[in-house]
Amino acid sequence: MIMVLEALLAPGSELWMFNEVPENDREKKLTDGGLDISGLENIKLVHHVGNAVIRRHLEGLPLETFDSILILADESVEDSIVHSDSRSLATLLLIRDIQSKRLPNKDSRSVPLRHSVFSQSSWIREMQQASDRSIIISEILDSRTRNLVSVSRISDYVLSNELVSMALAMVAEDKQINRVLEELFAEEGNELCIKPAEFYLYDQEEVCFYDIMRRGRQRQEIVIGYRIAAAERAVINPAGKSKQRKWSLDDVFVVISSGD
C-alpha cells in the first residue's frame, strides 16, 4: 500500500502511521516486508505510537489537518472479525468527533438536504459536516458492519474480505480476468477514475451515452458509467445507452484511464 501511495501522491506528501507497534519494530517490519524506506521520494513517513481506540491518544494528532484517513483492520484481532470491526468503528467515531470539535461548525440552516434525516441528532450532523472536509476510509471485514457505516454517512468503507472473495470468484470463472485485475490494482497503468462532465460535453448538451463513450475513446479512456448531480450512487454499464438525454456539468463519469 505504501508503494501505491508513493506512486500516486504528490512530492512533499506525508503519511502518518499511528498504531501500538514501537517505531523501531515498525520500521523493521516494513523493511522485512520489502519496503525500501530510503527510496521513498514523494512521501515522508511520520510515526506515532498509541492506541487508536483511546481518545486521549488520538487527540495528540492534528486530525483536522489530514486530507484523507485510512482505518485499517487490526492484525492482532483479525481472528475475530466482529472485534476487529468494533475497533475500526470506535476509531472512526472518535476521529469524527474530535474533528467536529476542532473544525468550525457551519450554520445549521445550511445543512444539506441529504443530512435532514438526522436533524434531530446534532452530534451525527456535526460529524457529517466534518466528513465533508476530510475523507475517512474504513476497512471492515464483516458485511453486516457495512450497514452501520453506510447509514451514518460519516465515512466510506472498503469491505476487504468481500473484495478478495469476488476477485477469486471472477478469476476462477475466467483466468484471463486476472490480467485485468492486475492492471487496475497496480500502482501504475490504467485505473478507475472519476472525471468531470466538462471533459466530454457542454452544459445541458443532449447526447446519448454511446456518444460519451466515443468522446472518451478520443481521450484514450473507457467510459463505463456516470453519476448525475442529484444521485447518491453511480450507474455502471447503464441500460439504454442509445437514449438521448441532457447532461449537466455537475455530473461526473466513471472511466478507466491512465490517470494522467
C-alpha atoms as a PDB file:
ATOM      1  CA  MET A   1       0.000   0.000   0.000  1.00  0.00           C
ATOM      2  CA  ILE A   2       2.814   2.420   0.820  1.00  0.00           C
ATOM      3  CA  MET A   3       4.331   1.927  -2.638  1.00  0.00           C
ATOM      4  CA  VAL A   4       0.937   2.605  -4.233  1.00  0.00           C
ATOM      5  CA  LEU A   5       0.687   5.870  -2.284  1.00  0.00           C
ATOM      6  CA  GLU A   6       4.268   6.691  -3.253  1.00  0.00           C
ATOM      7  CA  ALA A   7       3.298   6.371  -6.916  1.00  0.00           C
ATOM      8  CA  LEU A   8       0.055   8.360  -6.631  1.00  0.00           C
ATOM      9  CA  LEU A   9       0.766  11.203  -4.197  1.00  0.00           C
ATOM     10  CA  ALA A  10       2.470  14.492  -4.973  1.00  0.00           C
ATOM     11  CA  PRO A  11       6.033  15.170  -3.783  1.00  0.00           C
ATOM     12  CA  GLY A  12       6.136  16.511  -0.235  1.00  0.00           C
ATOM     13  CA  SER A  13       3.186  14.431   0.981  1.00  0.00           C
ATOM     14  CA  GLU A  14       3.265  12.934   4.468  1.00  0.00           C
ATOM     15  CA  LEU A  15       1.984   9.517   5.528  1.00  0.00           C
ATOM     16  CA  TRP A  16       1.261   9.428   9.265  1.00  0.00           C
ATOM     17  CA  MET A  17       1.259   5.937  10.777  1.00  0.00           C
ATOM     18  CA  PHE A  18      -0.465   5.547  14.147  1.00  0.00           C
ATOM     19  CA  ASN A  19      -0.555   2.206  15.969  1.00  0.00           C
ATOM     20  CA  GLU A  20       0.762   0.434  19.057  1.00  0.00           C
ATOM     21  CA  VAL A  21       3.876  -1.030  17.408  1.00  0.00           C
ATOM     22  CA  PRO A  22       7.091   0.714  18.597  1.00  0.00           C
ATOM     23  CA  GLU A  23       8.754   2.801  15.898  1.00  0.00           C
ATOM     24  CA  ASN A  24      11.907   0.651  15.645  1.00  0.00           C
ATOM     25  CA  ASP A  25       9.887  -2.558  15.362  1.00  0.00           C
ATOM     26  CA  ARG A  26       7.607  -0.881  12.841  1.00  0.00           C
ATOM     27  CA  GLU A  27      10.461   0.091  10.529  1.00  0.00           C
ATOM     28  CA  LYS A  28      11.904  -3.419  10.803  1.00  0.00           C
ATOM     29  CA  LYS A  29       8.557  -4.935   9.794  1.00  0.00           C
ATOM     30  CA  LEU A  30       8.298  -2.577   6.840  1.00  0.00           C
ATOM     31  CA  THR A  31      11.831  -3.423   5.731  1.00  0.00           C
ATOM     32  CA  ASP A  32      11.225  -7.162   6.153  1.00  0.00           C
ATOM     33  CA  GLY A  33       8.127  -6.737   4.009  1.00  0.00           C
ATOM     34  CA  GLY A  34      10.268  -5.426   1.151  1.00  0.00           C
ATOM     35  CA  LEU A  35       9.857  -1.659   1.600  1.00  0.00           C
ATOM     36  CA  ASP A  36      12.923   0.491   0.935  1.00  0.00           C
ATOM     37  CA  ILE A  37      12.193   3.450   3.208  1.00  0.00           C
ATOM     38  CA  SER A  38      15.196   5.420   1.963  1.00  0.00           C
ATOM     39  CA  GLY A  39      13.887   5.078  -1.595  1.00  0.00           C
ATOM     40  CA  LEU A  40      10.653   6.964  -0.923  1.00  0.00           C
ATOM     41  CA  GLU A  41      10.679  10.222  -2.876  1.00  0.00           C
ATOM     42  CA  ASN A  42       7.119  11.553  -2.835  1.00  0.00           C
ATOM     43  CA  ILE A  43       6.049  10.720   0.709  1.00  0.00           C
ATOM     44  CA  LYS A  44       7.599  11.078   4.137  1.00  0.00           C
ATOM     45  CA  LEU A  45       6.701   8.588   6.869  1.00  0.00           C
ATOM     46  CA  VAL A  46       5.706  10.147  10.201  1.00  0.00           C
ATOM     47  CA  HIS A  47       5.476   7.653  13.078  1.00  0.00           C
ATOM     48  CA  HIS A  48       3.299   7.969  16.170  1.00  0.00           C
ATOM     49  CA  VAL A  49       2.684   5.303  18.794  1.00  0.00           C
ATOM     50  CA  GLY A  50      -0.659   4.960  20.548  1.00  0.00           C
ATOM     51  CA  ASN A  51      -3.934   3.101  20.870  1.00  0.00           C
ATOM     52  CA  ALA A  52      -6.461   4.089  18.209  1.00  0.00           C
ATOM     53  CA  VAL A  53      -9.451   3.411  20.473  1.00  0.00           C
ATOM     54  CA  ILE A  54      -8.248   5.683  23.290  1.00  0.00           C
ATOM     55  CA  ARG A  55      -9.429   9.244  22.809  1.00  0.00           C
ATOM     56  CA  ARG A  56      -6.542  10.985  24.567  1.00  0.00           C
ATOM     57  CA  HIS A  57      -4.075   9.217  22.270  1.00  0.00           C
ATOM     58  CA  LEU A  58      -5.946  10.349  19.159  1.00  0.00           C
ATOM     59  CA  GLU A  59      -6.225  13.899  20.469  1.00  0.00           C
ATOM     60  CA  GLY A  60      -2.444  14.191  20.169  1.00  0.00           C
ATOM     61  CA  LEU A  61      -2.767  14.045  16.367  1.00  0.00           C
ATOM     62  CA  PRO A  62      -3.670  17.001  14.100  1.00  0.00           C
ATOM     63  CA  LEU A  63      -6.692  15.115  12.760  1.00  0.00           C
ATOM     64  CA  GLU A  64      -8.376  18.232  11.396  1.00  0.00           C
ATOM     65  CA  THR A  65      -5.439  18.861   9.019  1.00  0.00           C
ATOM     66  CA  PHE A  66      -5.465  15.474   7.273  1.00  0.00           C
ATOM     67  CA  ASP A  67      -6.868  15.285   3.742  1.00  0.00           C
ATOM     68  CA  SER A  68      -7.537  11.548   3.988  1.00  0.00           C
ATOM     69  CA  ILE A  69      -7.503   8.956   6.764  1.00  0.00           C
ATOM     70  CA  LEU A  70      -7.337   5.180   6.325  1.00  0.00           C
ATOM     71  CA  ILE A  71      -8.513   2.994   9.213  1.00  0.00           C
ATOM     72  CA  LEU A  72      -7.096  -0.477   8.626  1.00  0.00           C
ATOM     73  CA  ALA A  73      -8.178  -3.677  10.352  1.00  0.00           C
ATOM     74  CA  ASP A  74      -6.055  -4.532  13.394  1.00  0.00           C
ATOM     75  CA  GLU A  75      -3.919  -7.607  12.672  1.00  0.00           C
ATOM     76  CA  SER A  76      -3.871  -8.571  16.352  1.00  0.00           C
ATOM     77  CA  VAL A  77      -7.651  -9.172  16.377  1.00  0.00           C
ATOM     78  CA  GLU A  78      -8.245 -10.271  12.775  1.00  0.00           C
ATOM     79  CA  ASP A  79      -9.202 -13.747  14.037  1.00  0.00           C
ATOM     80  CA  SER A  80     -12.386 -12.142  15.365  1.00  0.00           C
ATOM     81  CA  ILE A  81     -13.926 -10.055  12.601  1.00  0.00           C
ATOM     82  CA  VAL A  82     -16.559  -8.684  14.985  1.00  0.00           C
ATOM     83  CA  HIS A  83     -13.873  -7.465  17.406  1.00  0.00           C
ATOM     84  CA  SER A  84     -11.818  -6.029  14.550  1.00  0.00           C
ATOM     85  CA  ASP A  85     -14.781  -4.138  13.096  1.00  0.00           C
ATOM     86  CA  SER A  86     -15.750  -2.892  16.559  1.00  0.00           C
ATOM     87  CA  ARG A  87     -12.304  -1.327  16.970  1.00  0.00           C
ATOM     88  CA  SER A  88     -12.481   0.215  13.499  1.00  0.00           C
ATOM     89  CA  LEU A  89     -15.913   1.720  14.198  1.00  0.00           C
ATOM     90  CA  ALA A  90     -14.799   3.025  17.589  1.00  0.00           C
ATOM     91  CA  THR A  91     -11.773   4.677  15.984  1.00  0.00           C
ATOM     92  CA  LEU A  92     -13.952   6.150  13.246  1.00  0.00           C
ATOM     93  CA  LEU A  93     -16.417   7.698  15.699  1.00  0.00           C
ATOM     94  CA  LEU A  94     -13.649   9.084  17.901  1.00  0.00           C
ATOM     95  CA  ILE A  95     -11.841  10.674  14.956  1.00  0.00           C
ATOM     96  CA  ARG A  96     -15.013  12.226  13.559  1.00  0.00           C
ATOM     97  CA  ASP A  97     -15.996  13.573  16.977  1.00  0.00           C
ATOM     98  CA  ILE A  98     -12.558  15.124  17.519  1.00  0.00           C
ATOM     99  CA  GLN A  99     -12.632  16.651  14.040  1.00  0.00           C
ATOM    100  CA  SER A 100     -16.122  18.063  14.563  1.00  0.00           C
ATOM    101  CA  LYS A 101     -14.980  19.765  17.772  1.00  0.00           C
ATOM    102  CA  ARG A 102     -11.908  21.307  16.136  1.00  0.00           C
ATOM    103  CA  LEU A 103     -13.365  22.339  12.780  1.00  0.00           C
ATOM    104  CA  PRO A 104     -15.568  25.460  12.670  1.00  0.00           C
ATOM    105  CA  ASN A 105     -19.243  24.499  12.641  1.00  0.00           C
ATOM    106  CA  LYS A 106     -21.469  25.507   9.766  1.00  0.00           C
ATOM    107  CA  ASP A 107     -24.756  27.278  10.349  1.00  0.00           C
ATOM    108  CA  SER A 108     -27.352  24.579  10.935  1.00  0.00           C
ATOM    109  CA  ARG A 109     -29.577  26.250   8.333  1.00  0.00           C
ATOM    110  CA  SER A 110     -27.017  25.389   5.652  1.00  0.00           C
ATOM    111  CA  VAL A 111     -27.061  21.652   6.363  1.00  0.00           C
ATOM    112  CA  PRO A 112     -27.604  19.837   3.038  1.00  0.00           C
ATOM    113  CA  LEU A 113     -30.903  18.104   2.410  1.00  0.00           C
ATOM    114  CA  ARG A 114     -29.257  14.690   2.441  1.00  0.00           C
ATOM    115  CA  HIS A 115     -28.481  15.236   6.143  1.00  0.00           C
ATOM    116  CA  SER A 116     -32.023  16.214   7.119  1.00  0.00           C
ATOM    117  CA  VAL A 117     -32.898  12.679   8.195  1.00  0.00           C
ATOM    118  CA  PHE A 118     -30.527  13.185  11.129  1.00  0.00           C
ATOM    119  CA  SER A 119     -31.798  16.666  12.003  1.00  0.00           C
ATOM    120  CA  GLN A 120     -32.782  15.502  15.496  1.00  0.00           C
ATOM    121  CA  SER A 121     -29.268  14.248  16.250  1.00  0.00           C
ATOM    122  CA  SER A 122     -26.817  17.138  16.447  1.00  0.00           C
ATOM    123  CA  TRP A 123     -23.742  15.002  17.082  1.00  0.00           C
ATOM    124  CA  ILE A 124     -24.346  12.976  13.918  1.00  0.00           C
ATOM    125  CA  ARG A 125     -24.848  16.218  11.985  1.00  0.00           C
ATOM    126  CA  GLU A 126     -21.596  17.656  13.325  1.00  0.00           C
ATOM    127  CA  MET A 127     -19.652  14.547  12.322  1.00  0.00           C
ATOM    128  CA  GLN A 128     -21.238  14.617   8.865  1.00  0.00           C
ATOM    129  CA  GLN A 129     -20.091  18.210   8.453  1.00  0.00           C
ATOM    130  CA  ALA A 130     -16.571  17.071   9.339  1.00  0.00           C
ATOM    131  CA  SER A 131     -16.880  14.313   6.718  1.00  0.00           C
ATOM    132  CA  ASP A 132     -17.397  16.976   4.044  1.00  0.00           C
ATOM    133  CA  ARG A 133     -13.902  18.318   4.769  1.00  0.00           C
ATOM    134  CA  SER A 134     -11.862  15.174   5.395  1.00  0.00           C
ATOM    135  CA  ILE A 135     -12.166  11.734   3.809  1.00  0.00           C
ATOM    136  CA  ILE A 136     -12.070   8.635   6.001  1.00  0.00           C
ATOM    137  CA  ILE A 137     -11.960   5.141   4.514  1.00  0.00           C
ATOM    138  CA  SER A 138     -12.587   2.310   6.986  1.00  0.00           C
ATOM    139  CA  GLU A 139     -11.579  -1.270   6.289  1.00  0.00           C
ATOM    140  CA  ILE A 140     -14.279  -3.617   7.545  1.00  0.00           C
ATOM    141  CA  LEU A 141     -14.260  -7.404   7.486  1.00  0.00           C
ATOM    142  CA  ASP A 142     -17.880  -8.317   8.247  1.00  0.00           C
ATOM    143  CA  SER A 143     -20.504  -7.490   5.605  1.00  0.00           C
ATOM    144  CA  ARG A 144     -23.040  -6.834   8.384  1.00  0.00           C
ATOM    145  CA  THR A 145     -20.959  -3.875   9.565  1.00  0.00           C
ATOM    146  CA  ARG A 146     -21.466  -2.200   6.194  1.00  0.00           C
ATOM    147  CA  ASN A 147     -24.993  -1.130   7.131  1.00  0.00           C
ATOM    148  CA  LEU A 148     -23.780   0.621  10.284  1.00  0.00           C
ATOM    149  CA  VAL A 149     -21.154   2.588   8.370  1.00  0.00           C
ATOM    150  CA  SER A 150     -23.277   3.463   5.349  1.00  0.00           C
ATOM    151  CA  VAL A 151     -26.391   4.601   7.230  1.00  0.00           C
ATOM    152  CA  SER A 152     -24.445   7.182   9.256  1.00  0.00           C
ATOM    153  CA  ARG A 153     -22.814   8.711   6.153  1.00  0.00           C
ATOM    154  CA  ILE A 154     -19.770   9.791   8.141  1.00  0.00           C
ATOM    155  CA  SER A 155     -17.302   7.528   6.355  1.00  0.00           C
ATOM    156  CA  ASP A 156     -16.719   5.440   3.271  1.00  0.00           C
ATOM    157  CA  TYR A 157     -15.598   1.854   3.645  1.00  0.00           C
ATOM    158  CA  VAL A 158     -13.751  -0.996   1.972  1.00  0.00           C
ATOM    159  CA  LEU A 159     -15.139  -4.472   2.553  1.00  0.00           C
ATOM    160  CA  SER A 160     -11.787  -6.176   2.041  1.00  0.00           C
ATOM    161  CA  ASN A 161     -12.849  -9.794   2.583  1.00  0.00           C
ATOM    162  CA  GLU A 162     -15.698  -9.445   0.095  1.00  0.00           C
ATOM    163  CA  LEU A 163     -13.417  -7.806  -2.476  1.00  0.00           C
ATOM    164  CA  VAL A 164     -10.951 -10.686  -2.246  1.00  0.00           C
ATOM    165  CA  SER A 165     -13.753 -13.248  -2.490  1.00  0.00           C
ATOM    166  CA  MET A 166     -15.253 -11.582  -5.561  1.00  0.00           C
ATOM    167  CA  ALA A 167     -11.850 -11.316  -7.252  1.00  0.00           C
ATOM    168  CA  LEU A 168     -11.138 -15.010  -6.611  1.00  0.00           C
ATOM    169  CA  ALA A 169     -14.565 -15.972  -7.959  1.00  0.00           C
ATOM    170  CA  MET A 170     -14.025 -13.927 -11.127  1.00  0.00           C
ATOM    171  CA  VAL A 171     -10.586 -15.421 -11.756  1.00  0.00           C
ATOM    172  CA  ALA A 172     -11.890 -18.942 -11.070  1.00  0.00           C
ATOM    173  CA  GLU A 173     -14.594 -18.383 -13.699  1.00  0.00           C
ATOM    174  CA  ASP A 174     -12.228 -16.890 -16.285  1.00  0.00           C
ATOM    175  CA  LYS A 175      -8.491 -16.801 -15.585  1.00  0.00           C
ATOM    176  CA  GLN A 176      -7.963 -14.047 -18.181  1.00  0.00           C
ATOM    177  CA  ILE A 177      -9.760 -11.681 -15.783  1.00  0.00           C
ATOM    178  CA  ASN A 178      -6.649 -11.838 -13.602  1.00  0.00           C
ATOM    179  CA  ARG A 179      -4.745  -9.706 -16.134  1.00  0.00           C
ATOM    180  CA  VAL A 180      -7.480  -7.063 -15.990  1.00  0.00           C
ATOM    181  CA  LEU A 181      -7.485  -7.009 -12.178  1.00  0.00           C
ATOM    182  CA  GLU A 182      -3.699  -6.792 -12.035  1.00  0.00           C
ATOM    183  CA  GLU A 183      -3.792  -3.798 -14.376  1.00  0.00           C
ATOM    184  CA  LEU A 184      -6.498  -1.988 -12.389  1.00  0.00           C
ATOM    185  CA  PHE A 185      -4.991  -2.642  -8.953  1.00  0.00           C
ATOM    186  CA  ALA A 186      -1.339  -1.947  -9.826  1.00  0.00           C
ATOM    187  CA  GLU A 187       0.226   1.337  -8.697  1.00  0.00           C
ATOM    188  CA  GLU A 188       0.952   2.230 -12.325  1.00  0.00           C
ATOM    189  CA  GLY A 189      -1.050   1.888 -15.528  1.00  0.00           C
ATOM    190  CA  ASN A 190      -4.805   2.122 -16.014  1.00  0.00           C
ATOM    191  CA  GLU A 191      -7.173   2.665 -13.105  1.00  0.00           C
ATOM    192  CA  LEU A 192     -10.749   3.616 -12.287  1.00  0.00           C
ATOM    193  CA  CYS A 193     -11.187   7.387 -12.177  1.00  0.00           C
ATOM    194  CA  ILE A 194     -13.975   9.896 -11.635  1.00  0.00           C
ATOM    195  CA  LYS A 195     -13.872  12.592 -14.311  1.00  0.00           C
ATOM    196  CA  PRO A 196     -15.984  15.785 -14.535  1.00  0.00           C
ATOM    197  CA  ALA A 197     -18.588  16.080 -17.271  1.00  0.00           C
ATOM    198  CA  GLU A 198     -16.855  19.109 -18.788  1.00  0.00           C
ATOM    199  CA  PHE A 199     -14.263  16.750 -20.274  1.00  0.00           C
ATOM    200  CA  TYR A 200     -16.903  15.182 -22.519  1.00  0.00           C
ATOM    201  CA  LEU A 201     -19.752  17.644 -23.128  1.00  0.00           C
ATOM    202  CA  TYR A 202     -21.213  21.118 -22.798  1.00  0.00           C
ATOM    203  CA  ASP A 203     -23.706  22.117 -20.130  1.00  0.00           C
ATOM    204  CA  GLN A 204     -27.232  20.883 -20.960  1.00  0.00           C
ATOM    205  CA  GLU A 205     -25.949  19.180 -24.109  1.00  0.00           C
ATOM    206  CA  GLU A 206     -28.266  16.393 -25.263  1.00  0.00           C
ATOM    207  CA  VAL A 207     -26.331  13.286 -26.283  1.00  0.00           C
ATOM    208  CA  CYS A 208     -26.576   9.559 -25.671  1.00  0.00           C
ATOM    209  CA  PHE A 209     -24.179   7.519 -23.563  1.00  0.00           C
ATOM    210  CA  TYR A 210     -22.668   5.964 -26.694  1.00  0.00           C
ATOM    211  CA  ASP A 211     -21.579   9.477 -27.746  1.00  0.00           C
ATOM    212  CA  ILE A 212     -19.937   9.956 -24.350  1.00  0.00           C
ATOM    213  CA  MET A 213     -18.120   6.643 -24.788  1.00  0.00           C
ATOM    214  CA  ARG A 214     -16.850   7.717 -28.223  1.00  0.00           C
ATOM    215  CA  ARG A 215     -15.577  11.002 -26.831  1.00  0.00           C
ATOM    216  CA  GLY A 216     -13.869   9.092 -24.054  1.00  0.00           C
ATOM    217  CA  ARG A 217     -12.084   6.892 -26.587  1.00  0.00           C
ATOM    218  CA  GLN A 218     -10.729  10.031 -28.247  1.00  0.00           C
ATOM    219  CA  ARG A 219      -9.119  10.802 -24.879  1.00  0.00           C
ATOM    220  CA  GLN A 220      -7.729   7.239 -24.623  1.00  0.00           C
ATOM    221  CA  GLU A 221     -10.292   6.429 -21.932  1.00  0.00           C
ATOM    222  CA  ILE A 222     -13.085   3.890 -21.471  1.00  0.00           C
ATOM    223  CA  VAL A 223     -16.255   5.435 -20.030  1.00  0.00           C
ATOM    224  CA  ILE A 224     -18.131   2.749 -18.083  1.00  0.00           C
ATOM    225  CA  GLY A 225     -20.683   4.716 -16.059  1.00  0.00           C
ATOM    226  CA  TYR A 226     -21.881   8.015 -14.646  1.00  0.00           C
ATOM    227  CA  ARG A 227     -23.416   9.697 -11.624  1.00  0.00           C
ATOM    228  CA  ILE A 228     -25.832  12.549 -12.130  1.00  0.00           C
ATOM    229  CA  ALA A 229     -25.570  15.501  -9.770  1.00  0.00           C
ATOM    230  CA  ALA A 230     -28.626  14.695  -7.642  1.00  0.00           C
ATOM    231  CA  ALA A 231     -27.959  10.945  -7.359  1.00  0.00           C
ATOM    232  CA  GLU A 232     -26.423   9.113  -4.405  1.00  0.00           C
ATOM    233  CA  ARG A 233     -24.913   6.272  -6.464  1.00  0.00           C
ATOM    234  CA  ALA A 234     -23.195   5.870  -9.791  1.00  0.00           C
ATOM    235  CA  VAL A 235     -24.702   3.854 -12.642  1.00  0.00           C
ATOM    236  CA  ILE A 236     -22.253   1.344 -14.124  1.00  0.00           C
ATOM    237  CA  ASN A 237     -22.835  -0.147 -17.593  1.00  0.00           C
ATOM    238  CA  PRO A 238     -26.149   1.712 -17.945  1.00  0.00           C
ATOM    239  CA  ALA A 239     -29.070   0.354 -19.927  1.00  0.00           C
ATOM    240  CA  GLY A 240     -30.418   2.384 -22.835  1.00  0.00           C
ATOM    241  CA  LYS A 241     -27.047   3.688 -23.975  1.00  0.00           C
ATOM    242  CA  SER A 242     -28.545   4.962 -27.241  1.00  0.00           C
ATOM    243  CA  LYS A 243     -31.194   7.076 -25.481  1.00  0.00           C
ATOM    244  CA  GLN A 244     -30.697  10.834 -25.800  1.00  0.00           C
ATOM    245  CA  ARG A 245     -30.608  12.813 -22.553  1.00  0.00           C
ATOM    246  CA  LYS A 246     -29.478  16.187 -21.254  1.00  0.00           C
ATOM    247  CA  TRP A 247     -26.351  16.311 -19.131  1.00  0.00           C
ATOM    248  CA  SER A 248     -25.181  18.843 -16.573  1.00  0.00           C
ATOM    249  CA  LEU A 249     -21.640  19.979 -15.859  1.00  0.00           C
ATOM    250  CA  ASP A 250     -22.290  18.864 -12.282  1.00  0.00           C
ATOM    251  CA  ASP A 251     -22.496  15.243 -13.471  1.00  0.00           C
ATOM    252  CA  VAL A 252     -19.425  13.002 -13.307  1.00  0.00           C
ATOM    253  CA  PHE A 253     -18.324   9.965 -15.303  1.00  0.00           C
ATOM    254  CA  VAL A 254     -16.649   6.741 -14.211  1.00  0.00           C
ATOM    255  CA  VAL A 255     -13.813   5.920 -16.586  1.00  0.00           C
ATOM    256  CA  ILE A 256     -10.855   3.597 -16.960  1.00  0.00           C
ATOM    257  CA  SER A 257      -7.800   5.637 -17.852  1.00  0.00           C
ATOM    258  CA  SER A 258      -4.123   6.011 -17.151  1.00  0.00           C
ATOM    259  CA  GLY A 259      -4.952   8.677 -14.563  1.00  0.00           C
ATOM    260  CA  ASP A 260      -2.954  11.415 -16.309  1.00  0.00           C
END
